[in-house]
Amino acid sequence: MKTKAAVLYEMERPRPYADTHPLALEELELAPPGPGEVLVEIAAAGLCHSDLSAINGTRPWPLPMVLGHEAAGIVREAGAGVSDLKPGDHVVFSFMPVCGRCMNCVSGRGWLCERGGPANRAGTLLSGACRFSHHDGRKLFHHLGVS
């Protein structure tokens, strides 16, 4: 399916960003959700300091990257194995993906998820996948394992 997204191609552009335009609003391809994933139609989103830290380069990330991780919306599709969410459910995003199965997750410390942290830093989803791509197939990374 096609979607629009704010894409970061280059960090550390000079300020003011109103003049240097570090983000490009682009139409991208969005693959269907994989196992354990859901596709959410965004109803509302916010700009976070984490997005700014990617733009200004204080926290380097793999590029190009689709920014945005603070959002709320409605589940439109659920991948295989998803049993706790269904199309029509209203959800909010967390900036830290959690697997729900590692020792940290099952003991209530999801912010220390053994799979979430590495996926977050790699710019992928928990599965290691990237669901965004350009029309020619070039992949784009996810911001904080969510976008």
N, C-alpha and C. Protein backbone atom coordinates (compact mmCIF):
# COMPACT_ATOMS: atom_id res chain seq x y z
N MET A 1 0.83 -1.17 0.00
CA MET A 1 0.00 0.00 0.00
C MET A 1 0.88 1.24 0.00
N LYS A 2 0.31 2.35 -0.37
CA LYS A 2 1.05 3.61 -0.38
C LYS A 2 0.73 4.40 0.88
N THR A 3 1.73 5.14 1.36
CA THR A 3 1.55 6.00 2.53
C THR A 3 2.45 7.21 2.38
N LYS A 4 2.18 8.23 3.16
CA LYS A 4 3.06 9.41 3.19
C LYS A 4 3.81 9.40 4.51
N ALA A 5 5.07 9.83 4.44
CA ALA A 5 5.90 9.83 5.65
C ALA A 5 6.92 10.95 5.60
N ALA A 6 7.36 11.38 6.78
CA ALA A 6 8.44 12.36 6.92
C ALA A 6 9.75 11.60 6.96
N VAL A 7 10.60 11.81 5.95
CA VAL A 7 11.84 11.04 5.80
C VAL A 7 13.05 11.93 6.06
N LEU A 8 13.96 11.42 6.87
CA LEU A 8 15.22 12.09 7.16
C LEU A 8 16.32 11.41 6.35
N TYR A 9 17.01 12.18 5.50
CA TYR A 9 18.10 11.66 4.68
C TYR A 9 19.47 12.09 5.19
N GLU A 10 19.52 13.17 5.94
CA GLU A 10 20.80 13.75 6.34
C GLU A 10 20.62 14.39 7.71
N MET A 11 21.55 14.10 8.62
CA MET A 11 21.53 14.71 9.94
C MET A 11 22.38 15.98 9.94
N GLU A 12 22.16 16.78 10.95
CA GLU A 12 22.98 17.97 11.24
C GLU A 12 22.86 19.09 10.22
N ARG A 13 21.70 19.23 9.61
CA ARG A 13 21.49 20.42 8.77
C ARG A 13 21.47 21.64 9.68
N PRO A 14 21.95 22.76 9.19
CA PRO A 14 21.97 23.95 10.04
C PRO A 14 20.56 24.46 10.34
N ARG A 15 20.45 25.14 11.46
CA ARG A 15 19.20 25.80 11.84
C ARG A 15 19.14 27.17 11.21
N PRO A 16 18.02 27.75 11.05
CA PRO A 16 16.69 27.27 11.42
C PRO A 16 16.18 26.23 10.42
N TYR A 17 15.52 25.22 10.96
CA TYR A 17 15.02 24.13 10.11
C TYR A 17 13.92 24.59 9.17
N ALA A 18 13.27 25.69 9.49
CA ALA A 18 12.26 26.24 8.58
C ALA A 18 12.90 26.65 7.26
N ASP A 19 14.21 26.94 7.29
CA ASP A 19 14.92 27.32 6.07
C ASP A 19 15.63 26.14 5.41
N THR A 20 16.15 25.19 6.21
CA THR A 20 16.97 24.11 5.65
C THR A 20 16.18 22.83 5.36
N HIS A 21 14.97 22.73 5.86
CA HIS A 21 14.04 21.62 5.55
C HIS A 21 14.71 20.24 5.65
N PRO A 22 15.01 19.78 6.87
CA PRO A 22 15.68 18.48 7.01
C PRO A 22 14.80 17.27 6.69
N LEU A 23 13.49 17.44 6.68
CA LEU A 23 12.59 16.32 6.41
C LEU A 23 11.94 16.48 5.05
N ALA A 24 11.76 15.35 4.38
CA ALA A 24 11.06 15.33 3.09
C ALA A 24 9.77 14.55 3.27
N LEU A 25 8.65 15.14 2.92
CA LEU A 25 7.38 14.44 2.95
C LEU A 25 7.25 13.68 1.64
N GLU A 26 7.21 12.34 1.73
CA GLU A 26 7.25 11.51 0.53
C GLU A 26 6.18 10.43 0.55
N GLU A 27 5.78 10.02 -0.64
CA GLU A 27 4.91 8.86 -0.77
C GLU A 27 5.80 7.63 -0.84
N LEU A 28 5.53 6.67 0.02
CA LEU A 28 6.33 5.45 0.12
C LEU A 28 5.43 4.22 -0.01
N GLU A 29 6.08 3.09 -0.22
CA GLU A 29 5.40 1.80 -0.17
C GLU A 29 5.45 1.30 1.27
N LEU A 30 4.36 0.75 1.75
CA LEU A 30 4.30 0.18 3.09
C LEU A 30 3.84 -1.26 2.96
N ALA A 31 4.72 -2.18 3.33
CA ALA A 31 4.41 -3.61 3.25
C ALA A 31 3.38 -3.98 4.32
N PRO A 32 2.63 -5.05 4.09
CA PRO A 32 1.67 -5.50 5.11
C PRO A 32 2.39 -5.91 6.39
N PRO A 33 1.67 -5.95 7.50
CA PRO A 33 2.32 -6.36 8.75
C PRO A 33 2.78 -7.80 8.70
N GLY A 34 3.94 -8.05 9.29
CA GLY A 34 4.46 -9.40 9.39
C GLY A 34 3.92 -10.07 10.65
N PRO A 35 4.39 -11.28 10.94
CA PRO A 35 3.95 -11.99 12.14
C PRO A 35 4.22 -11.15 13.40
N GLY A 36 3.22 -11.06 14.25
CA GLY A 36 3.36 -10.32 15.50
C GLY A 36 3.27 -8.81 15.36
N GLU A 37 2.96 -8.31 14.17
CA GLU A 37 2.90 -6.87 13.92
C GLU A 37 1.47 -6.45 13.59
N VAL A 38 1.19 -5.15 13.79
CA VAL A 38 -0.09 -4.59 13.38
C VAL A 38 0.15 -3.36 12.53
N LEU A 39 -0.78 -3.09 11.63
CA LEU A 39 -0.78 -1.88 10.83
C LEU A 39 -1.79 -0.93 11.45
N VAL A 40 -1.34 0.29 11.76
CA VAL A 40 -2.18 1.26 12.44
C VAL A 40 -2.39 2.47 11.55
N GLU A 41 -3.65 2.87 11.38
CA GLU A 41 -3.97 4.13 10.71
C GLU A 41 -3.82 5.24 11.75
N ILE A 42 -2.92 6.18 11.48
CA ILE A 42 -2.62 7.23 12.44
C ILE A 42 -3.75 8.25 12.47
N ALA A 43 -4.25 8.53 13.68
CA ALA A 43 -5.28 9.54 13.87
C ALA A 43 -4.67 10.84 14.39
N ALA A 44 -3.62 10.73 15.20
CA ALA A 44 -2.94 11.91 15.76
C ALA A 44 -1.49 11.55 16.03
N ALA A 45 -0.62 12.54 15.85
CA ALA A 45 0.81 12.30 16.08
C ALA A 45 1.43 13.56 16.68
N GLY A 46 2.55 13.37 17.36
CA GLY A 46 3.28 14.49 17.94
C GLY A 46 4.72 14.48 17.50
N LEU A 47 5.36 15.60 17.67
CA LEU A 47 6.79 15.72 17.41
C LEU A 47 7.49 15.65 18.75
N CYS A 48 8.47 14.79 18.87
CA CYS A 48 9.15 14.54 20.13
C CYS A 48 10.60 15.00 20.05
N HIS A 49 11.20 15.20 21.21
CA HIS A 49 12.61 15.56 21.24
C HIS A 49 13.47 14.46 20.63
N SER A 50 13.02 13.22 20.69
CA SER A 50 13.75 12.12 20.04
C SER A 50 13.82 12.32 18.53
N ASP A 51 12.76 12.84 17.95
CA ASP A 51 12.79 13.16 16.51
C ASP A 51 13.82 14.25 16.26
N LEU A 52 13.82 15.27 17.10
CA LEU A 52 14.79 16.36 16.96
C LEU A 52 16.22 15.85 17.11
N SER A 53 16.44 14.90 18.04
CA SER A 53 17.80 14.38 18.23
C SER A 53 18.29 13.61 17.02
N ALA A 54 17.37 13.04 16.24
CA ALA A 54 17.77 12.40 14.98
C ALA A 54 18.08 13.46 13.94
N ILE A 55 17.27 14.50 13.89
CA ILE A 55 17.47 15.57 12.91
C ILE A 55 18.79 16.30 13.16
N ASN A 56 19.06 16.64 14.43
CA ASN A 56 20.27 17.43 14.70
C ASN A 56 21.52 16.57 14.88
N GLY A 57 21.38 15.25 14.87
CA GLY A 57 22.53 14.36 14.90
C GLY A 57 23.08 14.03 16.27
N THR A 58 22.42 14.46 17.35
CA THR A 58 22.94 14.12 18.68
C THR A 58 22.77 12.65 19.00
N ARG A 59 21.84 11.99 18.34
CA ARG A 59 21.69 10.53 18.46
C ARG A 59 21.68 9.97 17.05
N PRO A 60 22.81 9.48 16.58
CA PRO A 60 22.88 9.00 15.19
C PRO A 60 22.04 7.74 14.98
N TRP A 61 21.43 7.67 13.81
CA TRP A 61 20.58 6.56 13.41
C TRP A 61 20.92 6.17 11.98
N PRO A 62 20.56 4.96 11.58
CA PRO A 62 20.75 4.59 10.17
C PRO A 62 19.80 5.41 9.29
N LEU A 63 20.28 5.78 8.15
CA LEU A 63 19.49 6.61 7.22
C LEU A 63 19.34 5.90 5.88
N PRO A 64 18.31 6.25 5.12
CA PRO A 64 17.23 7.17 5.42
C PRO A 64 16.25 6.56 6.42
N MET A 65 15.61 7.42 7.19
CA MET A 65 14.73 6.97 8.28
C MET A 65 13.40 7.71 8.24
N VAL A 66 12.34 6.95 8.48
CA VAL A 66 11.01 7.54 8.64
C VAL A 66 10.87 7.93 10.11
N LEU A 67 10.70 9.21 10.36
CA LEU A 67 10.57 9.68 11.74
C LEU A 67 9.12 9.60 12.20
N GLY A 68 8.96 9.71 13.51
CA GLY A 68 7.63 9.69 14.11
C GLY A 68 7.41 8.42 14.90
N HIS A 69 7.14 8.59 16.18
CA HIS A 69 6.89 7.42 17.03
C HIS A 69 5.88 7.72 18.13
N GLU A 70 5.48 8.98 18.26
CA GLU A 70 4.46 9.33 19.25
C GLU A 70 3.15 9.53 18.49
N ALA A 71 2.28 8.54 18.59
CA ALA A 71 1.06 8.60 17.80
C ALA A 71 -0.04 7.76 18.44
N ALA A 72 -1.24 8.00 17.97
CA ALA A 72 -2.40 7.20 18.35
C ALA A 72 -3.19 6.92 17.08
N GLY A 73 -3.85 5.78 17.06
CA GLY A 73 -4.60 5.45 15.86
C GLY A 73 -5.46 4.21 16.03
N ILE A 74 -5.86 3.67 14.89
CA ILE A 74 -6.78 2.54 14.85
C ILE A 74 -6.11 1.39 14.11
N VAL A 75 -6.12 0.21 14.71
CA VAL A 75 -5.57 -0.98 14.07
C VAL A 75 -6.39 -1.28 12.82
N ARG A 76 -5.71 -1.42 11.68
CA ARG A 76 -6.38 -1.74 10.42
C ARG A 76 -6.11 -3.17 9.97
N GLU A 77 -4.92 -3.70 10.30
CA GLU A 77 -4.58 -5.09 9.96
C GLU A 77 -3.74 -5.67 11.08
N ALA A 78 -3.87 -6.96 11.29
CA ALA A 78 -3.05 -7.67 12.27
C ALA A 78 -2.33 -8.81 11.57
N GLY A 79 -1.02 -8.91 11.84
CA GLY A 79 -0.23 -9.98 11.26
C GLY A 79 -0.51 -11.31 11.95
N ALA A 80 0.03 -12.37 11.39
CA ALA A 80 -0.14 -13.71 11.95
C ALA A 80 0.34 -13.74 13.40
N GLY A 81 -0.40 -14.44 14.23
CA GLY A 81 -0.01 -14.62 15.62
C GLY A 81 -0.43 -13.50 16.56
N VAL A 82 -1.03 -12.45 16.04
CA VAL A 82 -1.49 -11.36 16.91
C VAL A 82 -2.85 -11.75 17.46
N SER A 83 -2.94 -11.89 18.79
CA SER A 83 -4.20 -12.32 19.40
C SER A 83 -4.78 -11.28 20.35
N ASP A 84 -3.99 -10.28 20.73
CA ASP A 84 -4.47 -9.31 21.70
C ASP A 84 -4.97 -8.01 21.08
N LEU A 85 -4.84 -7.86 19.76
CA LEU A 85 -5.35 -6.70 19.04
C LEU A 85 -6.08 -7.16 17.79
N LYS A 86 -7.06 -6.36 17.38
CA LYS A 86 -7.81 -6.70 16.16
C LYS A 86 -8.16 -5.42 15.42
N PRO A 87 -8.47 -5.52 14.13
CA PRO A 87 -8.88 -4.33 13.39
C PRO A 87 -10.02 -3.60 14.11
N GLY A 88 -9.87 -2.28 14.18
CA GLY A 88 -10.85 -1.45 14.88
C GLY A 88 -10.43 -1.03 16.27
N ASP A 89 -9.46 -1.73 16.86
CA ASP A 89 -8.97 -1.36 18.19
C ASP A 89 -8.22 -0.03 18.12
N HIS A 90 -8.41 0.80 19.14
CA HIS A 90 -7.70 2.07 19.26
C HIS A 90 -6.44 1.84 20.09
N VAL A 91 -5.31 2.37 19.61
CA VAL A 91 -4.03 2.12 20.27
C VAL A 91 -3.19 3.40 20.33
N VAL A 92 -2.22 3.41 21.24
CA VAL A 92 -1.19 4.45 21.29
C VAL A 92 0.15 3.74 21.18
N PHE A 93 1.13 4.45 20.64
CA PHE A 93 2.46 3.86 20.43
C PHE A 93 3.35 4.08 21.65
N SER A 94 4.28 3.17 21.84
CA SER A 94 5.34 3.30 22.82
C SER A 94 6.64 3.49 22.05
N PHE A 95 7.54 4.32 22.59
CA PHE A 95 8.80 4.56 21.88
C PHE A 95 9.74 3.38 21.98
N MET A 96 9.48 2.45 22.86
CA MET A 96 10.37 1.32 23.04
C MET A 96 9.62 0.03 22.72
N PRO A 97 9.95 -0.62 21.62
CA PRO A 97 9.26 -1.87 21.32
C PRO A 97 9.61 -2.93 22.36
N VAL A 98 8.63 -3.72 22.72
CA VAL A 98 8.84 -4.79 23.71
C VAL A 98 8.36 -6.11 23.12
N CYS A 99 9.13 -7.17 23.38
CA CYS A 99 8.78 -8.48 22.82
C CYS A 99 7.73 -9.19 23.67
N GLY A 100 7.67 -8.87 24.98
CA GLY A 100 6.71 -9.50 25.87
C GLY A 100 7.11 -10.89 26.32
N ARG A 101 8.29 -11.37 25.89
CA ARG A 101 8.68 -12.74 26.21
C ARG A 101 10.02 -12.87 26.94
N CYS A 102 10.90 -11.87 26.80
CA CYS A 102 12.21 -12.00 27.46
C CYS A 102 12.05 -11.82 28.98
N MET A 103 13.10 -12.12 29.74
CA MET A 103 13.03 -12.04 31.19
C MET A 103 12.66 -10.63 31.66
N ASN A 104 13.21 -9.61 31.02
CA ASN A 104 12.89 -8.25 31.43
C ASN A 104 11.42 -7.92 31.17
N CYS A 105 10.90 -8.32 30.03
CA CYS A 105 9.50 -8.04 29.72
C CYS A 105 8.55 -8.76 30.68
N VAL A 106 8.78 -10.05 30.91
CA VAL A 106 7.85 -10.81 31.76
C VAL A 106 7.95 -10.40 33.22
N SER A 107 9.05 -9.74 33.61
CA SER A 107 9.17 -9.27 35.00
C SER A 107 8.79 -7.80 35.14
N GLY A 108 8.12 -7.25 34.11
CA GLY A 108 7.61 -5.89 34.20
C GLY A 108 8.61 -4.79 33.88
N ARG A 109 9.74 -5.13 33.27
CA ARG A 109 10.75 -4.12 32.92
C ARG A 109 10.91 -4.06 31.40
N GLY A 110 9.82 -3.80 30.70
CA GLY A 110 9.83 -3.76 29.25
C GLY A 110 10.80 -2.75 28.67
N TRP A 111 11.09 -1.68 29.40
CA TRP A 111 12.04 -0.67 28.90
C TRP A 111 13.44 -1.25 28.74
N LEU A 112 13.68 -2.45 29.31
CA LEU A 112 14.97 -3.13 29.17
C LEU A 112 14.86 -4.35 28.25
N CYS A 113 13.84 -4.40 27.42
CA CYS A 113 13.61 -5.55 26.54
C CYS A 113 14.88 -5.93 25.79
N GLU A 114 15.21 -7.21 25.85
CA GLU A 114 16.44 -7.71 25.23
C GLU A 114 16.40 -7.62 23.71
N ARG A 115 15.23 -7.65 23.11
CA ARG A 115 15.11 -7.51 21.65
C ARG A 115 14.76 -6.09 21.24
N GLY A 116 14.03 -5.37 22.08
CA GLY A 116 13.58 -4.03 21.74
C GLY A 116 14.71 -3.03 21.57
N GLY A 117 15.65 -3.03 22.50
CA GLY A 117 16.77 -2.09 22.42
C GLY A 117 17.59 -2.25 21.14
N PRO A 118 18.04 -3.46 20.84
CA PRO A 118 18.81 -3.64 19.60
C PRO A 118 18.01 -3.30 18.33
N ALA A 119 16.72 -3.65 18.29
CA ALA A 119 15.90 -3.30 17.13
C ALA A 119 15.77 -1.78 17.02
N ASN A 120 15.57 -1.15 18.15
CA ASN A 120 15.45 0.31 18.20
C ASN A 120 16.69 0.96 17.59
N ARG A 121 17.87 0.57 18.04
CA ARG A 121 19.12 1.17 17.56
C ARG A 121 19.42 0.82 16.10
N ALA A 122 18.95 -0.33 15.64
CA ALA A 122 19.20 -0.75 14.26
C ALA A 122 18.24 -0.11 13.26
N GLY A 123 17.19 0.55 13.77
CA GLY A 123 16.22 1.17 12.87
C GLY A 123 15.25 0.17 12.25
N THR A 124 15.03 -0.94 12.94
CA THR A 124 14.13 -1.97 12.42
C THR A 124 12.97 -2.21 13.38
N LEU A 125 12.05 -3.04 12.97
CA LEU A 125 11.02 -3.54 13.86
C LEU A 125 11.61 -4.69 14.66
N LEU A 126 10.86 -5.22 15.63
CA LEU A 126 11.38 -6.33 16.45
C LEU A 126 11.84 -7.51 15.62
N SER A 127 11.18 -7.75 14.51
CA SER A 127 11.52 -8.89 13.65
C SER A 127 12.81 -8.67 12.87
N GLY A 128 13.33 -7.44 12.90
CA GLY A 128 14.50 -7.10 12.09
C GLY A 128 14.11 -6.54 10.73
N ALA A 129 12.82 -6.51 10.45
CA ALA A 129 12.33 -6.05 9.14
C ALA A 129 12.17 -4.54 9.09
N CYS A 130 12.19 -4.04 7.88
CA CYS A 130 11.81 -2.66 7.56
C CYS A 130 10.63 -2.75 6.62
N ARG A 131 9.52 -2.13 6.96
CA ARG A 131 8.30 -2.23 6.16
C ARG A 131 8.14 -1.10 5.15
N PHE A 132 8.96 -0.03 5.27
CA PHE A 132 8.90 1.08 4.33
C PHE A 132 9.90 0.88 3.21
N SER A 133 9.50 1.27 1.99
CA SER A 133 10.45 1.26 0.88
C SER A 133 10.05 2.33 -0.13
N HIS A 134 11.06 2.72 -0.92
CA HIS A 134 10.79 3.62 -2.05
C HIS A 134 10.14 2.79 -3.15
N HIS A 135 9.61 3.46 -4.15
CA HIS A 135 8.95 2.76 -5.26
C HIS A 135 9.92 1.84 -6.01
N ASP A 136 11.23 2.14 -5.93
CA ASP A 136 12.23 1.30 -6.60
C ASP A 136 12.76 0.18 -5.71
N GLY A 137 12.19 0.03 -4.50
CA GLY A 137 12.57 -1.06 -3.61
C GLY A 137 13.59 -0.72 -2.54
N ARG A 138 14.22 0.46 -2.60
CA ARG A 138 15.19 0.83 -1.56
C ARG A 138 14.48 0.97 -0.22
N LYS A 139 15.02 0.34 0.83
CA LYS A 139 14.35 0.36 2.13
C LYS A 139 14.66 1.64 2.90
N LEU A 140 13.76 1.94 3.82
CA LEU A 140 13.92 3.04 4.76
C LEU A 140 13.82 2.46 6.15
N PHE A 141 14.55 3.02 7.08
CA PHE A 141 14.57 2.53 8.45
C PHE A 141 13.43 3.14 9.27
N HIS A 142 13.09 2.45 10.37
CA HIS A 142 12.06 2.90 11.30
C HIS A 142 12.72 3.65 12.46
N HIS A 143 12.05 4.67 12.96
CA HIS A 143 12.56 5.41 14.12
C HIS A 143 12.01 4.78 15.39
N LEU A 144 12.92 4.38 16.27
CA LEU A 144 12.58 3.82 17.57
C LEU A 144 11.70 2.58 17.48
N GLY A 145 11.88 1.82 16.42
CA GLY A 145 11.17 0.55 16.28
C GLY A 145 9.67 0.67 16.12
N VAL A 146 9.20 1.87 15.76
CA VAL A 146 7.76 2.09 15.73
C VAL A 146 7.26 2.63 14.40
N SER A 147 7.86 3.71 13.91
CA SER A 147 7.29 4.47 12.78
C SER A 147 6.82 3.58 11.65
